[in-house]
C-alpha cells in the first residue's frame, strides 16, 4: 500500500471505523521501489516488526536497525520511514497504526494519565523491543498476537487487540522513567517542523517546476539552512530529495502501465525524457522501459 500524505505531511490512515481506530498493514515493502518508503508522519502510534530481513527504521534523525523478530513502537507526530537492508525477498513487515483512543477516550482520566504523557514526551520518539531480550519477550508475544488477531478477525478479536494494546501501554507506563530517552533540543524540534513543511511542499508540488528557494521558502528559512536541515535528517540536499521523490512517483506510475514514458516524465516534473531516463537508471539500475517490462 502506498504512503499517502496530506498537506501537513500526515499520512492518511484508513481506519475502518472511528469506533475501533486501528489498521493492520502487511507486505507494504513489496510494492515500494528498492523496498524503501518516504519519510512521513501521522498523529497515530505505530508498531512494526521485522520478520525475515534487516530493516532500517528511520525515526526523526535516528536510524534503528531491526533484525528478524525485533519490533519498534513509534510515537505519534514523529517523522519516520523504512528501508529494507537485507533479505532476498521483501520483508512482510507486519505493522499496526492506531489511535490512543483505542485504549480510552481522550477526555477520560485513563487517557490523560497513561496515554497523554507518552504523546507529549519529545524525548521518547520510539521504543525498541528486541527479540533476544527476555525483558521484551512478553511484549513481542503481545505484538505478534495483535497481528494474528487483526489478520484473522475472529469473534471478539477487537477485545483481544484492545487488551494487548493496553498491556503494551502498561509496560511503557511502568517503565517510563527507565526507558532509553532521546533528549531533543528546541533546535532539533524546530528543525523537524521545518523539514515537515519542506517535505510537504515537495510532496504537493513535485510535478511542477520547483527551485531550492521554493523549498526553503516553504519553511521561511534560507537556502543554506534548508540544505543543513535536509543533510542532517536525510543525508542529501533538498533538490536531491525532490528528485528522489519524483523518481518514486514515476516508478509507481510505470507499474500502473497506463501512460507513456513522456507523459510520466512530465507528470513527475522532468522536462526531458532523456534526463528522466538517465536519473531513473542511476537510481534503480535499469531503464524506465525495462521497469515496465519487468512489472517492477
Protein backbone atom coordinates (compact mmCIF):
# COMPACT_ATOMS: atom_id res chain seq x y z
CA UNK A 1 0.00 0.00 0.00
CA UNK A 2 1.43 3.39 -0.95
CA UNK A 3 2.04 6.07 1.64
CA UNK A 4 -0.45 8.88 1.07
CA UNK A 5 0.11 12.17 2.87
CA UNK A 6 -1.99 15.30 3.15
CA UNK A 7 -0.94 18.95 3.08
CA UNK A 8 0.57 18.66 6.58
CA UNK A 9 2.57 15.53 5.71
CA UNK A 10 0.20 13.47 7.82
CA UNK A 11 -0.27 10.00 6.42
CA UNK A 12 -3.86 9.12 5.65
CA UNK A 13 -4.63 6.06 7.77
CA UNK A 14 -7.79 4.35 6.52
CA UNK A 15 -9.15 3.10 9.84
CA UNK A 16 -12.27 1.11 9.06
CA UNK A 17 -14.29 2.80 11.76
CA UNK A 18 -13.80 5.55 14.28
CA UNK A 19 -15.08 3.14 16.93
CA UNK A 20 -12.09 0.82 16.51
CA UNK A 21 -9.28 3.11 15.32
CA UNK A 22 -6.55 0.66 14.34
CA UNK A 23 -5.36 -0.51 10.92
CA UNK A 24 -3.21 -3.53 10.09
CA UNK A 25 -0.71 -3.42 7.22
CA UNK A 26 1.29 -6.25 5.69
CA UNK A 27 3.64 -6.73 2.73
CA UNK A 28 3.93 -2.99 2.02
CA UNK A 29 7.63 -3.26 1.21
CA UNK A 30 6.89 -5.49 -1.77
CA UNK A 31 5.19 -2.58 -3.55
CA UNK A 32 7.84 0.04 -2.74
CA UNK A 33 10.76 0.67 -5.11
CA UNK A 34 14.04 -0.50 -3.56
CA UNK A 35 11.91 -1.59 -0.59
CA UNK A 36 12.07 1.93 0.81
CA UNK A 37 9.25 4.23 1.91
CA UNK A 38 9.36 8.05 2.08
CA UNK A 39 9.56 9.95 5.34
CA UNK A 40 6.08 10.76 6.60
CA UNK A 41 4.21 11.27 9.85
CA UNK A 42 0.79 10.80 11.38
CA UNK A 43 -0.80 11.58 14.75
CA UNK A 44 -1.33 7.88 15.48
CA UNK A 45 1.07 5.46 17.15
CA UNK A 46 2.75 2.78 15.07
CA UNK A 47 4.20 -0.64 15.84
CA UNK A 48 6.18 -2.53 13.19
CA UNK A 49 8.15 -5.78 13.17
CA UNK A 50 10.97 -7.19 11.06
CA UNK A 51 10.16 -10.80 10.19
CA UNK A 52 12.82 -12.20 7.87
CA UNK A 53 15.27 -9.43 6.96
CA UNK A 54 17.07 -6.47 8.44
CA UNK A 55 15.19 -3.18 8.38
CA UNK A 56 16.38 0.39 8.84
CA UNK A 57 13.57 2.19 10.63
CA UNK A 58 14.35 5.89 10.50
CA UNK A 59 12.68 7.86 13.28
CA UNK A 60 13.42 11.56 13.30
CA UNK A 61 17.15 11.85 12.77
CA UNK A 62 17.94 8.38 14.09
CA UNK A 63 18.27 5.00 12.38
CA UNK A 64 17.00 1.96 14.30
CA UNK A 65 18.24 -1.33 12.90
CA UNK A 66 15.64 -4.07 13.33
CA UNK A 67 16.68 -7.69 12.93
CA UNK A 68 14.21 -10.51 12.39
CA UNK A 69 11.94 -10.67 15.44
CA UNK A 70 12.58 -7.10 16.61
CA UNK A 71 9.74 -4.59 16.89
CA UNK A 72 9.58 -0.82 17.23
CA UNK A 73 6.93 1.40 18.80
CA UNK A 74 6.87 4.86 17.17
CA UNK A 75 5.26 7.77 18.96
CA UNK A 76 2.72 9.96 17.23
CA UNK A 77 3.65 13.03 15.14
CA UNK A 78 7.21 11.78 14.56
CA UNK A 79 8.82 11.72 11.12
CA UNK A 80 9.65 8.15 10.17
CA UNK A 81 10.46 6.00 7.18
CA UNK A 82 11.56 2.45 6.38
CA UNK A 83 14.15 0.75 4.20
CA UNK A 84 14.96 -2.96 3.98
CA UNK A 85 18.70 -3.55 4.23
CA UNK A 86 18.93 -7.31 3.64
CA UNK A 87 16.94 -10.33 2.58
CA UNK A 88 16.30 -11.83 -0.85
CA UNK A 89 12.54 -11.34 -0.60
CA UNK A 90 10.61 -8.30 0.67
CA UNK A 91 10.16 -8.48 4.42
CA UNK A 92 6.44 -8.90 5.27
CA UNK A 93 6.94 -6.20 7.93
CA UNK A 94 3.56 -6.50 9.68
CA UNK A 95 2.61 -3.24 11.35
CA UNK A 96 -0.29 -1.53 13.02
CA UNK A 97 -1.20 2.14 13.16
CA UNK A 98 -3.62 3.11 15.89
CA UNK A 99 -5.02 5.98 17.89
CA UNK A 100 -4.60 6.30 21.64
CA UNK A 101 -8.37 6.47 21.83
CA UNK A 102 -8.33 2.72 21.21
CA UNK A 103 -7.46 2.48 24.90
CA UNK A 104 -9.77 5.15 26.29
CA UNK A 105 -11.44 8.40 25.05
CA UNK A 106 -9.22 11.48 25.14
CA UNK A 107 -11.33 13.16 27.80
CA UNK A 108 -11.06 10.19 30.17
CA UNK A 109 -8.84 10.11 33.24
CA UNK A 110 -7.12 6.95 31.98
CA UNK A 111 -6.12 8.61 28.70
CA UNK A 112 -4.87 11.73 30.48
CA UNK A 113 -2.88 9.65 32.96
CA UNK A 114 -1.31 7.00 30.75
CA UNK A 115 -1.57 7.91 27.05
CA UNK A 116 -1.10 11.69 27.03
CA UNK A 117 2.29 11.60 28.83
CA UNK A 118 3.62 9.35 26.06
CA UNK A 119 2.17 11.58 23.34
CA UNK A 120 3.72 14.71 24.86
CA UNK A 121 7.13 13.20 25.59
CA UNK A 122 9.52 14.67 23.00
CA UNK A 123 12.34 12.55 24.41
CA UNK A 124 10.51 9.27 23.68
CA UNK A 125 10.12 9.18 19.88
CA UNK A 126 10.35 5.38 19.86
CA UNK A 127 10.76 2.23 21.95
CA UNK A 128 12.54 -0.84 20.57
CA UNK A 129 11.60 -4.37 21.63
CA UNK A 130 14.45 -6.78 20.85
CA UNK A 131 13.63 -10.43 20.19
CA UNK A 132 16.62 -11.64 22.20
CA UNK A 133 15.88 -9.57 25.31
CA UNK A 134 13.93 -11.56 27.95
CA UNK A 135 12.61 -8.24 29.30
CA UNK A 136 10.82 -7.72 25.96
CA UNK A 137 9.61 -11.26 25.33
CA UNK A 138 6.09 -10.70 26.68
CA UNK A 139 5.63 -7.52 24.62
CA UNK A 140 6.83 -9.22 21.45
CA UNK A 141 4.32 -12.02 22.06
CA UNK A 142 1.55 -9.46 22.53
CA UNK A 143 2.51 -7.72 19.29
CA UNK A 144 2.57 -10.98 17.35
CA UNK A 145 -0.83 -11.87 18.77
CA UNK A 146 -2.23 -8.49 17.66
CA UNK A 147 -1.08 -9.11 14.10
CA UNK A 148 -2.74 -12.53 14.07
CA UNK A 149 -6.00 -11.19 15.50
CA UNK A 150 -6.10 -8.29 13.04
CA UNK A 151 -5.43 -10.64 10.15
CA UNK A 152 -7.92 -13.36 11.07
CA UNK A 153 -10.59 -11.15 12.68
CA UNK A 154 -12.27 -13.98 14.51
CA UNK A 155 -15.01 -13.49 17.08
CA UNK A 156 -14.15 -10.92 19.75
CA UNK A 157 -10.83 -10.05 18.08
CA UNK A 158 -11.37 -6.38 18.96
CA UNK A 159 -11.36 -7.21 22.67
CA UNK A 160 -8.13 -9.19 22.36
CA UNK A 161 -6.42 -6.44 20.36
CA UNK A 162 -7.51 -3.72 22.78
CA UNK A 163 -6.38 -5.81 25.74
CA UNK A 164 -2.94 -6.32 24.20
CA UNK A 165 -2.55 -2.63 23.35
CA UNK A 166 -3.47 -1.81 26.95
CA UNK A 167 -0.78 -4.16 28.22
CA UNK A 168 1.81 -2.57 25.93
CA UNK A 169 0.95 0.86 27.31
CA UNK A 170 1.05 -0.60 30.80
CA UNK A 171 4.61 -1.77 30.13
CA UNK A 172 5.60 1.66 28.80
CA UNK A 173 3.98 3.44 31.75
CA UNK A 174 5.51 1.18 34.39
CA UNK A 175 8.97 1.57 32.84
CA UNK A 176 8.57 5.15 31.66
CA UNK A 177 11.40 6.59 33.76
CA UNK A 178 13.90 3.88 32.80
CA UNK A 179 13.17 3.57 29.08
CA UNK A 180 16.02 4.95 26.93
CA UNK A 181 15.31 8.59 26.12
CA UNK A 182 16.49 10.81 23.30
CA UNK A 183 16.72 14.32 24.62
CA UNK A 184 15.50 16.59 21.83
CA UNK A 185 16.61 20.22 21.98
CA UNK A 186 14.33 23.02 20.89
CA UNK A 187 16.55 23.46 17.82
CA UNK A 188 16.09 19.79 16.86
CA UNK A 189 12.32 20.03 17.31
CA UNK A 190 12.20 23.21 15.21
CA UNK A 191 14.31 21.59 12.50
CA UNK A 192 11.93 18.63 12.33
CA UNK A 193 9.00 21.03 11.92
CA UNK A 194 10.90 22.84 9.18
CA UNK A 195 11.64 19.57 7.42
CA UNK A 196 7.98 18.57 7.63
CA UNK A 197 6.98 21.83 5.94
CA UNK A 198 9.59 21.47 3.20
CA UNK A 199 8.75 17.82 2.53
CA UNK A 200 5.08 18.76 2.40
CA UNK A 201 5.91 21.31 -0.28
CA UNK A 202 7.87 18.71 -2.25
CA UNK A 203 5.12 16.09 -2.00
CA UNK A 204 2.49 18.58 -3.14
CA UNK A 205 4.47 20.26 -5.93
CA UNK A 206 6.85 17.62 -7.32
CA UNK A 207 5.04 17.68 -10.69
CA UNK A 208 5.75 21.41 -11.11
CA UNK A 209 8.97 23.41 -11.58
CA UNK A 210 10.49 23.63 -8.09
CA UNK A 211 13.63 25.51 -7.03
CA UNK A 212 15.74 25.36 -3.89
CA UNK A 213 14.38 28.79 -2.99
CA UNK A 214 10.82 27.44 -3.26
CA UNK A 215 11.59 24.55 -0.91
CA UNK A 216 13.34 26.79 1.63
CA UNK A 217 10.54 29.34 1.41
CA UNK A 218 8.02 26.71 2.50
CA UNK A 219 9.67 26.82 5.93
CA UNK A 220 10.61 30.53 5.80
CA UNK A 221 14.33 29.80 6.05
CA UNK A 222 17.38 30.45 3.90
CA UNK A 223 18.56 28.09 1.20
CA UNK A 224 21.70 27.27 3.19
CA UNK A 225 19.65 26.50 6.31
CA UNK A 226 17.36 24.27 4.24
CA UNK A 227 20.43 22.42 2.98
CA UNK A 228 21.71 21.85 6.52
CA UNK A 229 18.30 20.62 7.66
CA UNK A 230 17.97 18.07 4.84
CA UNK A 231 21.57 16.91 5.19
CA UNK A 232 21.11 16.33 8.93
CA UNK A 233 17.88 14.32 8.65
CA UNK A 234 18.08 12.78 5.18
CA UNK A 235 21.74 12.84 4.21
CA UNK A 236 21.04 14.67 0.96
CA UNK A 237 20.24 18.11 -0.42
CA UNK A 238 16.68 19.45 -0.78
CA UNK A 239 16.92 19.19 -4.58
CA UNK A 240 18.16 15.59 -4.35
CA UNK A 241 15.20 14.79 -2.09
CA UNK A 242 12.88 16.34 -4.68
CA UNK A 243 14.41 14.26 -7.50
CA UNK A 244 14.25 11.06 -5.45
CA UNK A 245 10.57 11.62 -4.70
CA UNK A 246 9.87 12.34 -8.37
CA UNK A 247 11.55 9.06 -9.27
CA UNK A 248 9.49 7.19 -6.66
CA UNK A 249 6.28 8.61 -8.13
CA UNK A 250 7.45 7.76 -11.65
CA UNK A 251 8.23 4.20 -10.56
CA UNK A 252 4.71 3.88 -9.18
CA UNK A 253 3.15 5.27 -12.36
CA UNK A 254 5.22 2.89 -14.51
CA UNK A 255 3.88 -0.06 -12.52
CA UNK A 256 0.34 1.06 -13.35
CA UNK A 257 1.22 0.94 -17.06
CA UNK A 258 -1.40 3.42 -18.29
CA UNK A 259 0.80 6.29 -19.55
CA UNK A 260 3.71 6.69 -21.93
CA UNK A 261 7.24 7.44 -20.73
CA UNK A 262 6.92 11.02 -21.96
CA UNK A 263 3.65 11.52 -20.10
CA UNK A 264 5.10 10.07 -16.90
CA UNK A 265 8.27 12.12 -17.26
CA UNK A 266 6.38 15.39 -17.49
CA UNK A 267 3.82 14.39 -14.87
CA UNK A 268 6.67 13.87 -12.40
CA UNK A 269 8.36 17.19 -13.06
CA UNK A 270 11.04 16.11 -15.54
CA UNK A 271 11.20 18.36 -18.61
CA UNK A 272 13.41 15.94 -20.52
CA UNK A 273 12.64 12.27 -21.14
CA UNK A 274 16.35 11.58 -21.62
CA UNK A 275 17.25 13.20 -18.30
CA UNK A 276 14.43 11.32 -16.58
CA UNK A 277 15.58 8.01 -18.04
CA UNK A 278 19.19 8.64 -17.01
CA UNK A 279 18.31 9.52 -13.41
CA UNK A 280 15.90 6.58 -13.20
CA UNK A 281 18.60 4.17 -14.35
CA UNK A 282 21.14 5.67 -11.92
CA UNK A 283 18.77 5.06 -9.02
CA UNK A 284 17.24 1.69 -9.89
CA UNK A 285 19.84 0.08 -12.14
CA UNK A 286 17.51 -0.37 -15.14
CA UNK A 287 15.66 1.86 -17.57
CA UNK A 288 12.05 3.03 -17.16
CA UNK A 289 11.10 0.88 -20.15
CA UNK A 290 12.72 -2.16 -18.57
CA UNK A 291 10.90 -1.42 -15.30
CA UNK A 292 7.56 -1.58 -17.09
CA UNK A 293 8.54 -4.77 -18.89
CA UNK A 294 9.66 -6.39 -15.64
CA UNK A 295 6.49 -5.29 -13.86
CA UNK A 296 8.51 -3.78 -11.00
